[in-house]
N, C-alpha and C. Protein backbone atom coordinates (compact mmCIF):
# COMPACT_ATOMS: atom_id res chain seq x y z
N MET A 1 174.73 199.89 233.98
CA MET A 1 174.30 200.29 232.64
C MET A 1 172.93 200.94 232.75
N GLY A 2 172.73 202.09 232.13
CA GLY A 2 171.45 202.79 232.17
C GLY A 2 170.47 202.24 231.15
N PHE A 3 169.24 202.64 231.31
CA PHE A 3 168.20 202.20 230.39
C PHE A 3 167.54 203.40 229.75
N ALA A 4 167.04 203.19 228.55
CA ALA A 4 166.37 204.25 227.81
C ALA A 4 164.89 204.22 228.13
N GLY A 5 164.44 205.20 228.87
CA GLY A 5 163.01 205.30 229.16
C GLY A 5 162.52 204.12 229.98
N ASP A 6 161.23 203.83 229.85
CA ASP A 6 160.63 202.73 230.59
C ASP A 6 160.54 201.47 229.75
N ARG A 7 161.17 201.44 228.61
CA ARG A 7 161.05 200.29 227.71
C ARG A 7 162.08 199.20 228.02
N GLY A 8 163.08 199.50 228.81
CA GLY A 8 164.04 198.50 229.17
C GLY A 8 165.13 198.27 228.15
N THR A 9 165.34 199.18 227.23
CA THR A 9 166.40 199.04 226.24
C THR A 9 167.68 199.61 226.82
N PRO A 10 168.71 198.80 227.01
CA PRO A 10 169.95 199.33 227.55
C PRO A 10 170.53 200.40 226.63
N LEU A 11 171.04 201.47 227.22
CA LEU A 11 171.66 202.53 226.44
C LEU A 11 172.86 202.02 225.67
N ALA A 12 173.57 201.03 226.22
CA ALA A 12 174.77 200.51 225.57
C ALA A 12 174.47 199.28 224.72
N ALA A 13 173.20 198.98 224.47
CA ALA A 13 172.85 197.81 223.66
C ALA A 13 173.39 198.00 222.25
N PRO A 14 173.84 196.92 221.64
CA PRO A 14 174.38 197.04 220.29
C PRO A 14 173.27 197.27 219.27
N SER A 15 173.64 197.92 218.19
CA SER A 15 172.70 198.07 217.08
C SER A 15 172.44 196.71 216.48
N ALA A 16 171.24 196.51 216.00
CA ALA A 16 170.89 195.23 215.38
C ALA A 16 171.65 195.08 214.07
N SER A 17 172.07 193.88 213.77
CA SER A 17 172.82 193.63 212.54
C SER A 17 171.91 193.79 211.33
N LEU A 18 172.52 194.06 210.20
CA LEU A 18 171.76 194.20 208.96
C LEU A 18 171.04 192.90 208.63
N THR A 19 171.65 191.77 208.90
CA THR A 19 171.00 190.47 208.64
C THR A 19 169.75 190.32 209.48
N ARG A 20 169.85 190.63 210.76
CA ARG A 20 168.69 190.51 211.66
C ARG A 20 167.58 191.46 211.24
N ARG A 21 167.94 192.68 210.86
CA ARG A 21 166.94 193.66 210.43
C ARG A 21 166.28 193.23 209.12
N THR A 22 167.05 192.64 208.22
CA THR A 22 166.51 192.19 206.93
C THR A 22 165.56 191.01 207.13
N LEU A 23 165.93 190.08 207.98
CA LEU A 23 165.05 188.94 208.24
C LEU A 23 163.77 189.39 208.93
N SER A 24 163.89 190.33 209.84
CA SER A 24 162.71 190.89 210.49
C SER A 24 161.82 191.58 209.47
N LEU A 25 162.43 192.27 208.53
CA LEU A 25 161.68 192.97 207.48
C LEU A 25 160.90 191.99 206.61
N ALA A 26 161.51 190.84 206.29
CA ALA A 26 160.81 189.83 205.49
C ALA A 26 159.60 189.28 206.26
N TYR A 27 159.79 189.01 207.54
CA TYR A 27 158.69 188.53 208.38
C TYR A 27 157.61 189.61 208.49
N GLU A 28 158.05 190.86 208.60
CA GLU A 28 157.11 191.98 208.69
C GLU A 28 156.25 192.08 207.44
N ALA A 29 156.84 191.83 206.28
CA ALA A 29 156.08 191.89 205.02
C ALA A 29 154.96 190.85 205.02
N LEU A 30 155.24 189.66 205.52
CA LEU A 30 154.20 188.62 205.59
C LEU A 30 153.08 189.04 206.54
N LEU A 31 153.44 189.58 207.69
CA LEU A 31 152.43 190.02 208.66
C LEU A 31 151.61 191.19 208.12
N LEU A 32 152.27 192.11 207.44
CA LEU A 32 151.56 193.26 206.87
C LEU A 32 150.59 192.80 205.79
N PHE A 33 151.02 191.85 204.97
CA PHE A 33 150.12 191.32 203.94
C PHE A 33 148.87 190.72 204.59
N ALA A 34 149.06 189.93 205.64
CA ALA A 34 147.92 189.31 206.33
C ALA A 34 147.01 190.38 206.95
N LEU A 35 147.60 191.39 207.56
CA LEU A 35 146.81 192.47 208.16
C LEU A 35 145.99 193.20 207.11
N LEU A 36 146.62 193.57 206.00
CA LEU A 36 145.91 194.30 204.95
C LEU A 36 144.85 193.42 204.28
N PHE A 37 145.15 192.16 204.12
CA PHE A 37 144.16 191.23 203.54
C PHE A 37 142.94 191.13 204.44
N ALA A 38 143.17 190.93 205.74
CA ALA A 38 142.04 190.81 206.68
C ALA A 38 141.26 192.11 206.80
N SER A 39 141.95 193.22 206.80
CA SER A 39 141.25 194.50 206.94
C SER A 39 140.54 194.91 205.64
N SER A 40 140.87 194.28 204.54
CA SER A 40 140.21 194.56 203.27
C SER A 40 138.82 193.95 203.17
N LEU A 41 138.62 192.85 203.84
CA LEU A 41 137.37 192.11 203.71
C LEU A 41 136.13 192.96 203.99
N PRO A 42 136.05 193.68 205.10
CA PRO A 42 134.84 194.47 205.34
C PRO A 42 134.62 195.54 204.27
N VAL A 43 135.69 196.16 203.82
CA VAL A 43 135.55 197.22 202.81
C VAL A 43 135.08 196.64 201.49
N VAL A 44 135.63 195.52 201.12
CA VAL A 44 135.22 194.88 199.86
C VAL A 44 133.76 194.45 199.93
N MET A 45 133.33 193.95 201.08
CA MET A 45 131.94 193.53 201.23
C MET A 45 131.00 194.73 201.16
N ILE A 46 131.39 195.84 201.79
CA ILE A 46 130.54 197.03 201.80
C ILE A 46 130.52 197.71 200.45
N ALA A 47 131.67 197.79 199.81
CA ALA A 47 131.79 198.53 198.55
C ALA A 47 131.49 197.68 197.32
N HIS A 48 131.05 196.44 197.53
CA HIS A 48 130.74 195.57 196.40
C HIS A 48 129.66 196.23 195.52
N GLY A 49 129.97 196.38 194.28
CA GLY A 49 129.03 197.00 193.35
C GLY A 49 129.16 198.51 193.26
N ALA A 50 130.05 199.10 194.04
CA ALA A 50 130.24 200.56 193.99
C ALA A 50 131.03 200.93 192.73
N ASP A 51 131.00 202.19 192.40
CA ASP A 51 131.76 202.69 191.27
C ASP A 51 133.25 202.45 191.52
N ARG A 52 133.88 201.64 190.69
CA ARG A 52 135.27 201.28 190.90
C ARG A 52 136.22 202.46 190.77
N ILE A 53 135.90 203.39 189.92
CA ILE A 53 136.77 204.55 189.73
C ILE A 53 136.83 205.38 191.01
N ALA A 54 135.72 205.53 191.69
CA ALA A 54 135.70 206.29 192.94
C ALA A 54 136.19 205.44 194.11
N ALA A 55 135.87 204.15 194.11
CA ALA A 55 136.17 203.29 195.25
C ALA A 55 137.66 202.96 195.36
N ARG A 56 138.35 202.85 194.24
CA ARG A 56 139.75 202.44 194.29
C ARG A 56 140.64 203.40 195.08
N PRO A 57 140.64 204.71 194.80
CA PRO A 57 141.51 205.58 195.60
C PRO A 57 141.11 205.62 197.08
N LEU A 58 139.83 205.52 197.38
CA LEU A 58 139.40 205.49 198.78
C LEU A 58 139.91 204.23 199.47
N PHE A 59 139.86 203.12 198.75
CA PHE A 59 140.36 201.85 199.29
C PHE A 59 141.87 201.92 199.54
N GLN A 60 142.60 202.54 198.63
CA GLN A 60 144.05 202.67 198.80
C GLN A 60 144.38 203.56 200.00
N ILE A 61 143.63 204.62 200.17
CA ILE A 61 143.83 205.49 201.33
C ILE A 61 143.53 204.72 202.61
N TYR A 62 142.48 203.94 202.60
CA TYR A 62 142.12 203.11 203.75
C TYR A 62 143.26 202.15 204.11
N LEU A 63 143.83 201.47 203.11
CA LEU A 63 144.93 200.54 203.37
C LEU A 63 146.16 201.27 203.91
N PHE A 64 146.42 202.46 203.38
CA PHE A 64 147.53 203.28 203.88
C PHE A 64 147.32 203.61 205.35
N VAL A 65 146.11 204.02 205.71
CA VAL A 65 145.80 204.38 207.11
C VAL A 65 145.92 203.16 208.02
N VAL A 66 145.46 202.00 207.56
CA VAL A 66 145.56 200.78 208.37
C VAL A 66 147.03 200.45 208.63
N ALA A 67 147.86 200.48 207.58
CA ALA A 67 149.29 200.18 207.74
C ALA A 67 149.96 201.20 208.66
N ALA A 68 149.66 202.48 208.46
CA ALA A 68 150.26 203.53 209.29
C ALA A 68 149.85 203.35 210.74
N ALA A 69 148.58 203.10 210.98
CA ALA A 69 148.09 202.93 212.35
C ALA A 69 148.77 201.73 213.02
N TYR A 70 148.92 200.63 212.30
CA TYR A 70 149.57 199.44 212.85
C TYR A 70 151.00 199.76 213.28
N PHE A 71 151.80 200.29 212.36
CA PHE A 71 153.20 200.53 212.67
C PHE A 71 153.38 201.59 213.74
N ILE A 72 152.70 202.70 213.60
CA ILE A 72 152.87 203.80 214.55
C ILE A 72 152.42 203.37 215.94
N TRP A 73 151.31 202.66 216.03
CA TRP A 73 150.83 202.20 217.34
C TRP A 73 151.83 201.23 217.97
N GLN A 74 152.33 200.27 217.19
CA GLN A 74 153.27 199.29 217.73
C GLN A 74 154.59 199.94 218.15
N TRP A 75 155.11 200.82 217.33
CA TRP A 75 156.37 201.48 217.66
C TRP A 75 156.23 202.37 218.90
N ARG A 76 155.10 203.03 219.04
CA ARG A 76 154.89 203.90 220.19
C ARG A 76 154.57 203.09 221.45
N ARG A 77 153.90 201.98 221.29
CA ARG A 77 153.45 201.18 222.41
C ARG A 77 154.59 200.46 223.11
N GLY A 78 155.50 199.88 222.33
CA GLY A 78 156.58 199.13 222.96
C GLY A 78 157.87 199.15 222.17
N GLY A 79 157.90 199.91 221.10
CA GLY A 79 159.10 199.98 220.29
C GLY A 79 159.30 198.78 219.38
N GLN A 80 158.31 197.89 219.32
CA GLN A 80 158.44 196.67 218.54
C GLN A 80 157.12 196.27 217.89
N THR A 81 157.23 195.75 216.68
CA THR A 81 156.11 195.07 216.06
C THR A 81 156.26 193.59 216.39
N LEU A 82 155.33 192.77 215.97
CA LEU A 82 155.44 191.33 216.23
C LEU A 82 156.70 190.74 215.61
N ALA A 83 157.02 191.15 214.40
CA ALA A 83 158.24 190.66 213.74
C ALA A 83 159.49 191.10 214.50
N MET A 84 159.48 192.31 215.00
CA MET A 84 160.64 192.81 215.74
C MET A 84 160.79 192.06 217.06
N LYS A 85 159.68 191.68 217.68
CA LYS A 85 159.75 190.88 218.90
C LYS A 85 160.36 189.52 218.61
N ALA A 86 159.94 188.91 217.49
CA ALA A 86 160.45 187.60 217.13
C ALA A 86 161.96 187.63 216.88
N TRP A 87 162.45 188.72 216.31
CA TRP A 87 163.88 188.84 215.99
C TRP A 87 164.65 189.61 217.06
N ARG A 88 163.98 189.90 218.18
CA ARG A 88 164.61 190.54 219.33
C ARG A 88 165.33 191.83 218.98
N ILE A 89 164.58 192.71 218.32
CA ILE A 89 165.09 194.04 218.02
C ILE A 89 164.05 195.06 218.46
N ARG A 90 164.49 196.28 218.70
CA ARG A 90 163.61 197.34 219.19
C ARG A 90 164.03 198.64 218.54
N ILE A 91 163.05 199.47 218.25
CA ILE A 91 163.34 200.77 217.67
C ILE A 91 163.29 201.85 218.73
N VAL A 92 164.30 202.70 218.73
CA VAL A 92 164.41 203.79 219.68
C VAL A 92 164.89 205.03 218.93
N THR A 93 164.86 206.17 219.61
CA THR A 93 165.43 207.37 218.99
C THR A 93 166.94 207.22 219.00
N ARG A 94 167.62 208.11 218.31
CA ARG A 94 169.09 208.06 218.26
C ARG A 94 169.69 208.23 219.65
N GLU A 95 168.95 208.86 220.56
CA GLU A 95 169.42 209.06 221.94
C GLU A 95 169.08 207.86 222.82
N GLY A 96 168.32 206.90 222.30
CA GLY A 96 167.96 205.71 223.07
C GLY A 96 166.62 205.80 223.77
N ALA A 97 165.84 206.83 223.50
CA ALA A 97 164.54 207.02 224.15
C ALA A 97 163.43 206.36 223.33
N PRO A 98 162.28 206.11 223.94
CA PRO A 98 161.12 205.61 223.19
C PRO A 98 160.71 206.61 222.12
N LEU A 99 160.10 206.12 221.05
CA LEU A 99 159.70 206.99 219.95
C LEU A 99 158.53 207.89 220.33
N SER A 100 158.63 209.13 219.92
CA SER A 100 157.51 210.06 220.04
C SER A 100 156.60 209.82 218.83
N LEU A 101 155.43 210.42 218.86
CA LEU A 101 154.52 210.30 217.73
C LEU A 101 155.18 210.85 216.46
N ARG A 102 155.89 211.95 216.60
CA ARG A 102 156.56 212.56 215.45
C ARG A 102 157.62 211.63 214.86
N HIS A 103 158.44 211.00 215.73
CA HIS A 103 159.45 210.06 215.25
C HIS A 103 158.80 208.89 214.50
N ALA A 104 157.75 208.34 215.09
CA ALA A 104 157.09 207.18 214.49
C ALA A 104 156.45 207.53 213.16
N LEU A 105 155.78 208.67 213.10
CA LEU A 105 155.14 209.10 211.85
C LEU A 105 156.19 209.38 210.77
N ASN A 106 157.25 210.08 211.13
CA ASN A 106 158.31 210.34 210.17
C ASN A 106 158.94 209.05 209.67
N ARG A 107 159.20 208.12 210.58
CA ARG A 107 159.81 206.86 210.18
C ARG A 107 158.90 206.10 209.21
N PHE A 108 157.61 206.09 209.49
CA PHE A 108 156.69 205.41 208.59
C PHE A 108 156.67 206.06 207.22
N LEU A 109 156.55 207.37 207.17
CA LEU A 109 156.47 208.07 205.87
C LEU A 109 157.77 207.96 205.09
N PHE A 110 158.91 208.12 205.76
CA PHE A 110 160.19 207.98 205.06
C PHE A 110 160.41 206.53 204.62
N GLY A 111 159.98 205.57 205.44
CA GLY A 111 160.11 204.16 205.07
C GLY A 111 159.25 203.81 203.87
N LEU A 112 158.05 204.36 203.83
CA LEU A 112 157.17 204.13 202.69
C LEU A 112 157.78 204.70 201.42
N ALA A 113 158.33 205.91 201.52
CA ALA A 113 158.99 206.52 200.35
C ALA A 113 160.16 205.66 199.89
N GLY A 114 160.94 205.13 200.83
CA GLY A 114 162.06 204.26 200.48
C GLY A 114 161.62 202.98 199.79
N CYS A 115 160.47 202.45 200.22
CA CYS A 115 159.91 201.26 199.57
C CYS A 115 159.46 201.58 198.15
N LEU A 116 158.80 202.72 198.00
CA LEU A 116 158.30 203.09 196.68
C LEU A 116 159.42 203.42 195.69
N LEU A 117 160.60 203.71 196.21
CA LEU A 117 161.76 203.97 195.35
C LEU A 117 162.58 202.69 195.18
N ALA A 118 161.90 201.59 194.94
CA ALA A 118 162.51 200.28 194.67
C ALA A 118 163.41 199.82 195.81
N GLY A 119 163.04 200.14 197.03
CA GLY A 119 163.80 199.69 198.19
C GLY A 119 165.08 200.45 198.45
N ALA A 120 165.25 201.60 197.80
CA ALA A 120 166.48 202.38 197.95
C ALA A 120 166.74 202.78 199.40
N GLY A 121 165.68 203.02 200.16
CA GLY A 121 165.84 203.40 201.56
C GLY A 121 166.45 202.29 202.39
N PHE A 122 166.22 201.05 202.00
CA PHE A 122 166.79 199.91 202.72
C PHE A 122 168.21 199.63 202.23
N LEU A 123 168.43 199.79 200.95
CA LEU A 123 169.77 199.59 200.40
C LEU A 123 170.75 200.62 200.92
N TRP A 124 170.24 201.76 201.37
CA TRP A 124 171.08 202.81 201.93
C TRP A 124 171.96 202.27 203.06
N ALA A 125 171.46 201.28 203.79
CA ALA A 125 172.21 200.73 204.93
C ALA A 125 173.56 200.16 204.50
N LEU A 126 173.69 199.79 203.24
CA LEU A 126 174.95 199.23 202.76
C LEU A 126 176.05 200.28 202.67
N VAL A 127 175.67 201.55 202.54
CA VAL A 127 176.67 202.62 202.40
C VAL A 127 176.67 203.58 203.59
N ASP A 128 175.69 203.49 204.48
CA ASP A 128 175.61 204.38 205.63
C ASP A 128 176.75 204.06 206.61
N ARG A 129 177.37 205.09 207.15
CA ARG A 129 178.52 204.89 208.04
C ARG A 129 178.15 204.14 209.32
N GLU A 130 176.88 204.23 209.74
CA GLU A 130 176.42 203.49 210.93
C GLU A 130 175.54 202.30 210.56
N GLY A 131 175.35 202.06 209.27
CA GLY A 131 174.53 200.94 208.82
C GLY A 131 173.04 201.16 208.99
N LEU A 132 172.61 202.43 209.12
CA LEU A 132 171.19 202.73 209.31
C LEU A 132 170.45 202.71 207.98
N PHE A 133 169.18 202.30 208.02
CA PHE A 133 168.32 202.48 206.86
C PHE A 133 168.13 203.98 206.67
N LEU A 134 167.81 204.40 205.46
CA LEU A 134 167.65 205.82 205.19
C LEU A 134 166.52 206.42 206.03
N HIS A 135 165.41 205.68 206.18
CA HIS A 135 164.30 206.23 206.96
C HIS A 135 164.68 206.37 208.44
N ASP A 136 165.55 205.52 208.95
CA ASP A 136 166.02 205.70 210.32
C ASP A 136 166.94 206.92 210.42
N ARG A 137 167.78 207.10 209.44
CA ARG A 137 168.68 208.28 209.43
C ARG A 137 167.84 209.56 209.40
N LEU A 138 166.84 209.61 208.54
CA LEU A 138 166.03 210.82 208.39
C LEU A 138 165.09 211.07 209.57
N ALA A 139 164.58 210.00 210.17
CA ALA A 139 163.63 210.13 211.27
C ALA A 139 164.30 210.26 212.64
N GLY A 140 165.61 210.07 212.69
CA GLY A 140 166.31 210.16 213.98
C GLY A 140 166.10 208.96 214.86
N THR A 141 166.00 207.78 214.23
CA THR A 141 165.77 206.54 214.98
C THR A 141 166.87 205.54 214.67
N LYS A 142 166.91 204.47 215.47
CA LYS A 142 167.83 203.37 215.21
C LYS A 142 167.22 202.10 215.76
N ILE A 143 167.68 200.98 215.25
CA ILE A 143 167.17 199.68 215.66
C ILE A 143 168.24 199.00 216.50
N MET A 144 167.87 198.67 217.73
CA MET A 144 168.78 198.07 218.68
C MET A 144 168.45 196.60 218.88
N GLN A 145 169.45 195.85 219.23
CA GLN A 145 169.24 194.46 219.59
C GLN A 145 168.81 194.43 221.05
N CYS A 146 167.85 193.57 221.39
CA CYS A 146 167.44 193.49 222.80
C CYS A 146 167.36 192.06 223.26
């Protein structure tokens, strides 16, 4: 059996089940909340007393960048976030290769859009012929069991 890149993901590895991906997603939400909470502290301390009208959009952009950096770095570094490691799943391209920067960035942006549309990007997996989330379909990625 061949392997995809240097990450050790077997090319013939099965796709992760929807249940496993959903449970990983719930765990990911808890970790993301903790990350954003912790990364907010320095900004809140520095911006204390600043004009709230100006500070709010800057703070939101900061949180967006923190979340993007976390996911993109983790996906590029090993194909897994901490939650994905716990649930033994890995993200790869549709061909089974490690994610490029473009794949990771597209997946993050499409995933964010799916979240903002009341989770429609995740519900897409219920009707997708391969069971992919919409952001995985659009970004050319898939989640494999490892």
